[in-house]
All heavy atoms as atom14 arrays in JSON, in Angstrom:
{
  "sequence": "GKDELWGKDLGVIEHHKDSLHDIRSVSKSIV",
  "atom14_mask": [
    [1, 1, 1, 1, 0, 0, 0, 0, 0, 0, 0, 0, 0, 0],
    [1, 1, 1, 1, 1, 1, 1, 1, 1, 0, 0, 0, 0, 0],
    [1, 1, 1, 1, 1, 1, 1, 1, 0, 0, 0, 0, 0, 0],
    [1, 1, 1, 1, 1, 1, 1, 1, 1, 0, 0, 0, 0, 0],
    [1, 1, 1, 1, 1, 1, 1, 1, 0, 0, 0, 0, 0, 0],
    [1, 1, 1, 1, 1, 1, 1, 1, 1, 1, 1, 1, 1, 1],
    [1, 1, 1, 1, 0, 0, 0, 0, 0, 0, 0, 0, 0, 0],
    [1, 1, 1, 1, 1, 1, 1, 1, 1, 0, 0, 0, 0, 0],
    [1, 1, 1, 1, 1, 1, 1, 1, 0, 0, 0, 0, 0, 0],
    [1, 1, 1, 1, 1, 1, 1, 1, 0, 0, 0, 0, 0, 0],
    [1, 1, 1, 1, 0, 0, 0, 0, 0, 0, 0, 0, 0, 0],
    [1, 1, 1, 1, 1, 1, 1, 0, 0, 0, 0, 0, 0, 0],
    [1, 1, 1, 1, 1, 1, 1, 1, 0, 0, 0, 0, 0, 0],
    [1, 1, 1, 1, 1, 1, 1, 1, 1, 0, 0, 0, 0, 0],
    [1, 1, 1, 1, 1, 1, 1, 1, 1, 1, 0, 0, 0, 0],
    [1, 1, 1, 1, 1, 1, 1, 1, 1, 1, 0, 0, 0, 0],
    [1, 1, 1, 1, 1, 1, 1, 1, 1, 0, 0, 0, 0, 0],
    [1, 1, 1, 1, 1, 1, 1, 1, 0, 0, 0, 0, 0, 0],
    [1, 1, 1, 1, 1, 1, 0, 0, 0, 0, 0, 0, 0, 0],
    [1, 1, 1, 1, 1, 1, 1, 1, 0, 0, 0, 0, 0, 0],
    [1, 1, 1, 1, 1, 1, 1, 1, 1, 1, 0, 0, 0, 0],
    [1, 1, 1, 1, 1, 1, 1, 1, 0, 0, 0, 0, 0, 0],
    [1, 1, 1, 1, 1, 1, 1, 1, 0, 0, 0, 0, 0, 0],
    [1, 1, 1, 1, 1, 1, 1, 1, 1, 1, 1, 0, 0, 0],
    [1, 1, 1, 1, 1, 1, 0, 0, 0, 0, 0, 0, 0, 0],
    [1, 1, 1, 1, 1, 1, 1, 0, 0, 0, 0, 0, 0, 0],
    [1, 1, 1, 1, 1, 1, 0, 0, 0, 0, 0, 0, 0, 0],
    [1, 1, 1, 1, 1, 1, 1, 1, 1, 0, 0, 0, 0, 0],
    [1, 1, 1, 1, 1, 1, 0, 0, 0, 0, 0, 0, 0, 0],
    [1, 1, 1, 1, 1, 1, 1, 1, 0, 0, 0, 0, 0, 0],
    [1, 1, 1, 1, 1, 1, 1, 0, 0, 0, 0, 0, 0, 0]
  ],
  "atom14_positions": [
    [[88.07, 103.6, 112.64], [88.42, 102.37, 113.33], [87.64, 102.19, 114.63], [87.04, 103.13, 115.15], [0.0, 0.0, 0.0], [0.0, 0.0, 0.0], [0.0, 0.0, 0.0], [0.0, 0.0, 0.0], [0.0, 0.0, 0.0], [0.0, 0.0, 0.0], [0.0, 0.0, 0.0], [0.0, 0.0, 0.0], [0.0, 0.0, 0.0], [0.0, 0.0, 0.0]],
    [[87.64, 100.96, 115.13], [86.97, 100.66, 116.39], [87.67, 101.39, 117.53], [88.88, 101.48, 117.57], [86.99, 99.15, 116.67], [86.04, 98.35, 115.79], [86.12, 96.86, 116.1], [85.71, 96.55, 117.54], [84.28, 96.9, 117.81], [0.0, 0.0, 0.0], [0.0, 0.0, 0.0], [0.0, 0.0, 0.0], [0.0, 0.0, 0.0], [0.0, 0.0, 0.0]],
    [[86.85, 101.91, 118.46], [87.41, 102.68, 119.55], [86.64, 102.42, 120.83], [85.6, 101.75, 120.83], [87.38, 104.18, 119.19], [88.42, 104.98, 119.95], [89.26, 104.37, 120.67], [88.42, 106.22, 119.84], [0.0, 0.0, 0.0], [0.0, 0.0, 0.0], [0.0, 0.0, 0.0], [0.0, 0.0, 0.0], [0.0, 0.0, 0.0], [0.0, 0.0, 0.0]],
    [[87.17, 102.95, 121.92], [86.58, 102.79, 123.23], [86.63, 104.11, 123.99], [87.43, 105.0, 123.66], [87.35, 101.74, 124.06], [87.32, 100.34, 123.52], [88.13, 99.37, 124.39], [88.6, 99.8, 125.47], [88.26, 98.19, 123.99], [0.0, 0.0, 0.0], [0.0, 0.0, 0.0], [0.0, 0.0, 0.0], [0.0, 0.0, 0.0], [0.0, 0.0, 0.0]],
    [[85.8, 104.21, 125.0], [85.88, 105.28, 125.98], [86.09, 104.62, 127.33], [85.15, 104.11, 127.92], [84.61, 106.12, 125.96], [84.63, 107.48, 126.67], [83.41, 108.31, 126.32], [84.74, 107.36, 128.21], [0.0, 0.0, 0.0], [0.0, 0.0, 0.0], [0.0, 0.0, 0.0], [0.0, 0.0, 0.0], [0.0, 0.0, 0.0], [0.0, 0.0, 0.0]],
    [[87.33, 104.57, 127.76], [87.71, 103.98, 129.05], [87.09, 102.59, 129.22], [86.49, 102.26, 130.22], [87.31, 104.89, 130.22], [88.31, 104.91, 131.33], [89.64, 105.17, 131.24], [88.04, 104.67, 132.73], [90.24, 105.12, 132.48], [89.28, 104.8, 133.41], [86.91, 104.37, 133.45], [89.39, 104.66, 134.8], [87.02, 104.21, 134.83], [88.26, 104.35, 135.49]],
    [[87.23, 101.78, 128.16], [86.76, 100.4, 128.19], [85.36, 100.19, 127.61], [84.99, 99.04, 127.33], [0.0, 0.0, 0.0], [0.0, 0.0, 0.0], [0.0, 0.0, 0.0], [0.0, 0.0, 0.0], [0.0, 0.0, 0.0], [0.0, 0.0, 0.0], [0.0, 0.0, 0.0], [0.0, 0.0, 0.0], [0.0, 0.0, 0.0], [0.0, 0.0, 0.0]],
    [[84.6, 101.26, 127.41], [83.27, 101.12, 126.81], [83.39, 101.12, 125.3], [83.95, 102.05, 124.71], [82.38, 102.28, 127.27], [80.98, 102.23, 126.66], [80.16, 103.46, 127.08], [78.78, 103.43, 126.44], [77.98, 104.62, 126.81], [0.0, 0.0, 0.0], [0.0, 0.0, 0.0], [0.0, 0.0, 0.0], [0.0, 0.0, 0.0], [0.0, 0.0, 0.0]],
    [[82.86, 100.1, 124.67], [82.93, 99.96, 123.21], [82.14, 101.06, 122.53], [80.95, 101.22, 122.77], [82.42, 98.57, 122.82], [82.57, 98.28, 121.33], [83.2, 99.1, 120.62], [82.08, 97.23, 120.87], [0.0, 0.0, 0.0], [0.0, 0.0, 0.0], [0.0, 0.0, 0.0], [0.0, 0.0, 0.0], [0.0, 0.0, 0.0], [0.0, 0.0, 0.0]],
    [[82.8, 101.81, 121.65], [82.14, 102.87, 120.9], [81.83, 102.45, 119.48], [81.26, 103.25, 118.72], [83.03, 104.12, 120.88], [83.34, 104.78, 122.22], [84.27, 105.97, 122.03], [82.06, 105.22, 122.95], [0.0, 0.0, 0.0], [0.0, 0.0, 0.0], [0.0, 0.0, 0.0], [0.0, 0.0, 0.0], [0.0, 0.0, 0.0], [0.0, 0.0, 0.0]],
    [[82.23, 101.26, 119.09], [82.06, 100.84, 117.71], [83.09, 101.49, 116.8], [84.13, 101.98, 117.25], [0.0, 0.0, 0.0], [0.0, 0.0, 0.0], [0.0, 0.0, 0.0], [0.0, 0.0, 0.0], [0.0, 0.0, 0.0], [0.0, 0.0, 0.0], [0.0, 0.0, 0.0], [0.0, 0.0, 0.0], [0.0, 0.0, 0.0], [0.0, 0.0, 0.0]],
    [[82.79, 101.54, 115.52], [83.68, 102.14, 114.54], [83.44, 103.65, 114.52], [82.33, 104.1, 114.35], [83.48, 101.54, 113.13], [84.34, 102.27, 112.11], [83.82, 100.05, 113.14], [0.0, 0.0, 0.0], [0.0, 0.0, 0.0], [0.0, 0.0, 0.0], [0.0, 0.0, 0.0], [0.0, 0.0, 0.0], [0.0, 0.0, 0.0], [0.0, 0.0, 0.0]],
    [[84.53, 104.4, 114.7], [84.45, 105.85, 114.79], [85.14, 106.47, 113.56], [86.22, 106.02, 113.15], [85.13, 106.36, 116.07], [84.42, 105.81, 117.31], [85.17, 107.89, 116.1], [82.98, 106.27, 117.46], [0.0, 0.0, 0.0], [0.0, 0.0, 0.0], [0.0, 0.0, 0.0], [0.0, 0.0, 0.0], [0.0, 0.0, 0.0], [0.0, 0.0, 0.0]],
    [[84.54, 107.51, 113.02], [85.17, 108.28, 111.95], [86.02, 109.37, 112.59], [85.51, 110.42, 112.97], [84.1, 108.88, 111.04], [84.66, 109.65, 109.85], [83.59, 110.23, 108.97], [82.42, 109.78, 109.08], [83.91, 111.12, 108.17], [0.0, 0.0, 0.0], [0.0, 0.0, 0.0], [0.0, 0.0, 0.0], [0.0, 0.0, 0.0], [0.0, 0.0, 0.0]],
    [[87.3, 109.11, 112.73], [88.19, 110.04, 113.42], [88.56, 111.22, 112.54], [88.69, 111.07, 111.33], [89.44, 109.31, 113.89], [89.17, 108.2, 114.85], [88.91, 108.41, 116.19], [89.06, 106.85, 114.68], [88.69, 107.25, 116.78], [88.75, 106.3, 115.9], [0.0, 0.0, 0.0], [0.0, 0.0, 0.0], [0.0, 0.0, 0.0], [0.0, 0.0, 0.0]],
    [[88.73, 112.38, 113.18], [89.13, 113.59, 112.44], [89.84, 114.51, 113.42], [90.01, 114.18, 114.59], [87.9, 114.26, 111.82], [86.76, 114.5, 112.79], [86.74, 115.56, 113.67], [85.64, 113.79, 113.01], [85.65, 115.5, 114.4], [84.94, 114.43, 114.02], [0.0, 0.0, 0.0], [0.0, 0.0, 0.0], [0.0, 0.0, 0.0], [0.0, 0.0, 0.0]],
    [[90.24, 115.68, 112.94], [91.11, 116.55, 113.73], [90.45, 117.08, 115.0], [91.15, 117.47, 115.93], [91.62, 117.72, 112.89], [90.54, 118.7, 112.44], [91.16, 119.8, 111.59], [90.1, 120.79, 111.1], [89.43, 121.51, 112.2], [0.0, 0.0, 0.0], [0.0, 0.0, 0.0], [0.0, 0.0, 0.0], [0.0, 0.0, 0.0], [0.0, 0.0, 0.0]],
    [[89.12, 117.07, 115.07], [88.43, 117.57, 116.25], [87.93, 116.44, 117.16], [87.21, 116.69, 118.12], [87.25, 118.44, 115.84], [87.68, 119.71, 115.12], [88.69, 120.3, 115.55], [87.06, 120.07, 114.09], [0.0, 0.0, 0.0], [0.0, 0.0, 0.0], [0.0, 0.0, 0.0], [0.0, 0.0, 0.0], [0.0, 0.0, 0.0], [0.0, 0.0, 0.0]],
    [[88.29, 115.19, 116.85], [87.82, 114.05, 117.64], [88.58, 113.95, 118.96], [89.81, 113.89, 118.97], [88.03, 112.74, 116.86], [87.33, 112.71, 115.66], [0.0, 0.0, 0.0], [0.0, 0.0, 0.0], [0.0, 0.0, 0.0], [0.0, 0.0, 0.0], [0.0, 0.0, 0.0], [0.0, 0.0, 0.0], [0.0, 0.0, 0.0], [0.0, 0.0, 0.0]],
    [[87.83, 113.89, 120.05], [88.45, 113.54, 121.33], [88.75, 112.04, 121.31], [87.97, 111.24, 120.82], [87.52, 113.87, 122.48], [87.31, 115.34, 122.82], [86.33, 115.49, 123.96], [88.63, 116.01, 123.17], [0.0, 0.0, 0.0], [0.0, 0.0, 0.0], [0.0, 0.0, 0.0], [0.0, 0.0, 0.0], [0.0, 0.0, 0.0], [0.0, 0.0, 0.0]],
    [[89.87, 111.68, 121.89], [90.33, 110.29, 121.87], [90.86, 109.92, 123.23], [91.54, 110.73, 123.9], [91.44, 110.14, 120.83], [91.7, 108.7, 120.4], [92.36, 107.81, 121.21], [91.38, 108.03, 119.26], [92.46, 106.63, 120.58], [91.86, 106.75, 119.4], [0.0, 0.0, 0.0], [0.0, 0.0, 0.0], [0.0, 0.0, 0.0], [0.0, 0.0, 0.0]],
    [[90.56, 108.73, 123.71], [91.23, 108.23, 124.92], [92.73, 108.32, 124.72], [93.26, 107.81, 123.73], [90.87, 106.76, 125.16], [89.65, 106.58, 126.06], [88.86, 107.52, 126.18], [89.49, 105.47, 126.62], [0.0, 0.0, 0.0], [0.0, 0.0, 0.0], [0.0, 0.0, 0.0], [0.0, 0.0, 0.0], [0.0, 0.0, 0.0], [0.0, 0.0, 0.0]],
    [[93.43, 108.95, 125.67], [94.89, 108.96, 125.59], [95.49, 108.02, 126.63], [96.71, 107.88, 126.71], [95.47, 110.38, 125.7], [95.22, 110.97, 127.08], [94.9, 111.26, 124.61], [95.97, 112.29, 127.31], [0.0, 0.0, 0.0], [0.0, 0.0, 0.0], [0.0, 0.0, 0.0], [0.0, 0.0, 0.0], [0.0, 0.0, 0.0], [0.0, 0.0, 0.0]],
    [[94.63, 107.42, 127.42], [95.03, 106.42, 128.42], [96.23, 106.93, 129.24], [96.18, 108.01, 129.82], [95.29, 105.06, 127.77], [94.02, 104.47, 127.12], [92.89, 104.21, 128.11], [91.66, 103.81, 127.45], [91.24, 102.55, 127.31], [92.0, 101.56, 127.75], [90.1, 102.3, 126.73], [0.0, 0.0, 0.0], [0.0, 0.0, 0.0], [0.0, 0.0, 0.0]],
    [[97.33, 106.22, 129.26], [98.42, 106.59, 130.18], [99.25, 107.78, 129.73], [100.13, 108.22, 130.47], [99.32, 105.38, 130.44], [98.66, 104.46, 131.28], [0.0, 0.0, 0.0], [0.0, 0.0, 0.0], [0.0, 0.0, 0.0], [0.0, 0.0, 0.0], [0.0, 0.0, 0.0], [0.0, 0.0, 0.0], [0.0, 0.0, 0.0], [0.0, 0.0, 0.0]],
    [[98.96, 108.33, 128.56], [99.53, 109.65, 128.26], [99.01, 110.65, 129.3], [99.65, 111.68, 129.57], [99.18, 110.09, 126.82], [99.67, 111.49, 126.53], [99.79, 109.11, 125.8], [0.0, 0.0, 0.0], [0.0, 0.0, 0.0], [0.0, 0.0, 0.0], [0.0, 0.0, 0.0], [0.0, 0.0, 0.0], [0.0, 0.0, 0.0], [0.0, 0.0, 0.0]],
    [[97.86, 110.34, 129.9], [97.34, 111.16, 131.01], [98.39, 111.34, 132.1], [98.43, 112.39, 132.75], [96.09, 110.49, 131.61], [95.12, 110.21, 130.64], [0.0, 0.0, 0.0], [0.0, 0.0, 0.0], [0.0, 0.0, 0.0], [0.0, 0.0, 0.0], [0.0, 0.0, 0.0], [0.0, 0.0, 0.0], [0.0, 0.0, 0.0], [0.0, 0.0, 0.0]],
    [[99.19, 110.32, 132.33], [100.21, 110.39, 133.36], [101.2, 111.53, 133.11], [101.63, 112.25, 134.03], [100.95, 109.06, 133.48], [100.09, 107.89, 133.97], [100.88, 106.6, 133.98], [100.14, 105.46, 134.67], [98.98, 104.99, 133.93], [0.0, 0.0, 0.0], [0.0, 0.0, 0.0], [0.0, 0.0, 0.0], [0.0, 0.0, 0.0], [0.0, 0.0, 0.0]],
    [[101.6, 111.68, 131.84], [102.54, 112.75, 131.49], [101.9, 114.12, 131.71], [102.59, 115.08, 132.09], [102.99, 112.6, 130.04], [103.57, 111.33, 129.82], [0.0, 0.0, 0.0], [0.0, 0.0, 0.0], [0.0, 0.0, 0.0], [0.0, 0.0, 0.0], [0.0, 0.0, 0.0], [0.0, 0.0, 0.0], [0.0, 0.0, 0.0], [0.0, 0.0, 0.0]],
    [[100.59, 114.22, 131.48], [99.87, 115.48, 131.73], [99.86, 115.78, 133.23], [100.09, 116.92, 133.67], [98.43, 115.39, 131.2], [98.43, 115.12, 129.68], [97.66, 116.64, 131.55], [98.77, 116.27, 128.82], [0.0, 0.0, 0.0], [0.0, 0.0, 0.0], [0.0, 0.0, 0.0], [0.0, 0.0, 0.0], [0.0, 0.0, 0.0], [0.0, 0.0, 0.0]],
    [[99.57, 114.76, 134.05], [99.55, 114.95, 135.49], [100.91, 115.41, 136.0], [101.01, 116.36, 136.79], [99.11, 113.66, 136.2], [99.29, 113.8, 137.72], [97.66, 113.33, 135.87], [0.0, 0.0, 0.0], [0.0, 0.0, 0.0], [0.0, 0.0, 0.0], [0.0, 0.0, 0.0], [0.0, 0.0, 0.0], [0.0, 0.0, 0.0], [0.0, 0.0, 0.0]]
  ]
}
């Protein structure tokens, strides 16, 4: 599916178990 890196268009990405993904505000729970 189409994805982004902090707003930068990455196009269509083939996601898999080792793919890093923007977690956006889930970052808040980590902090």
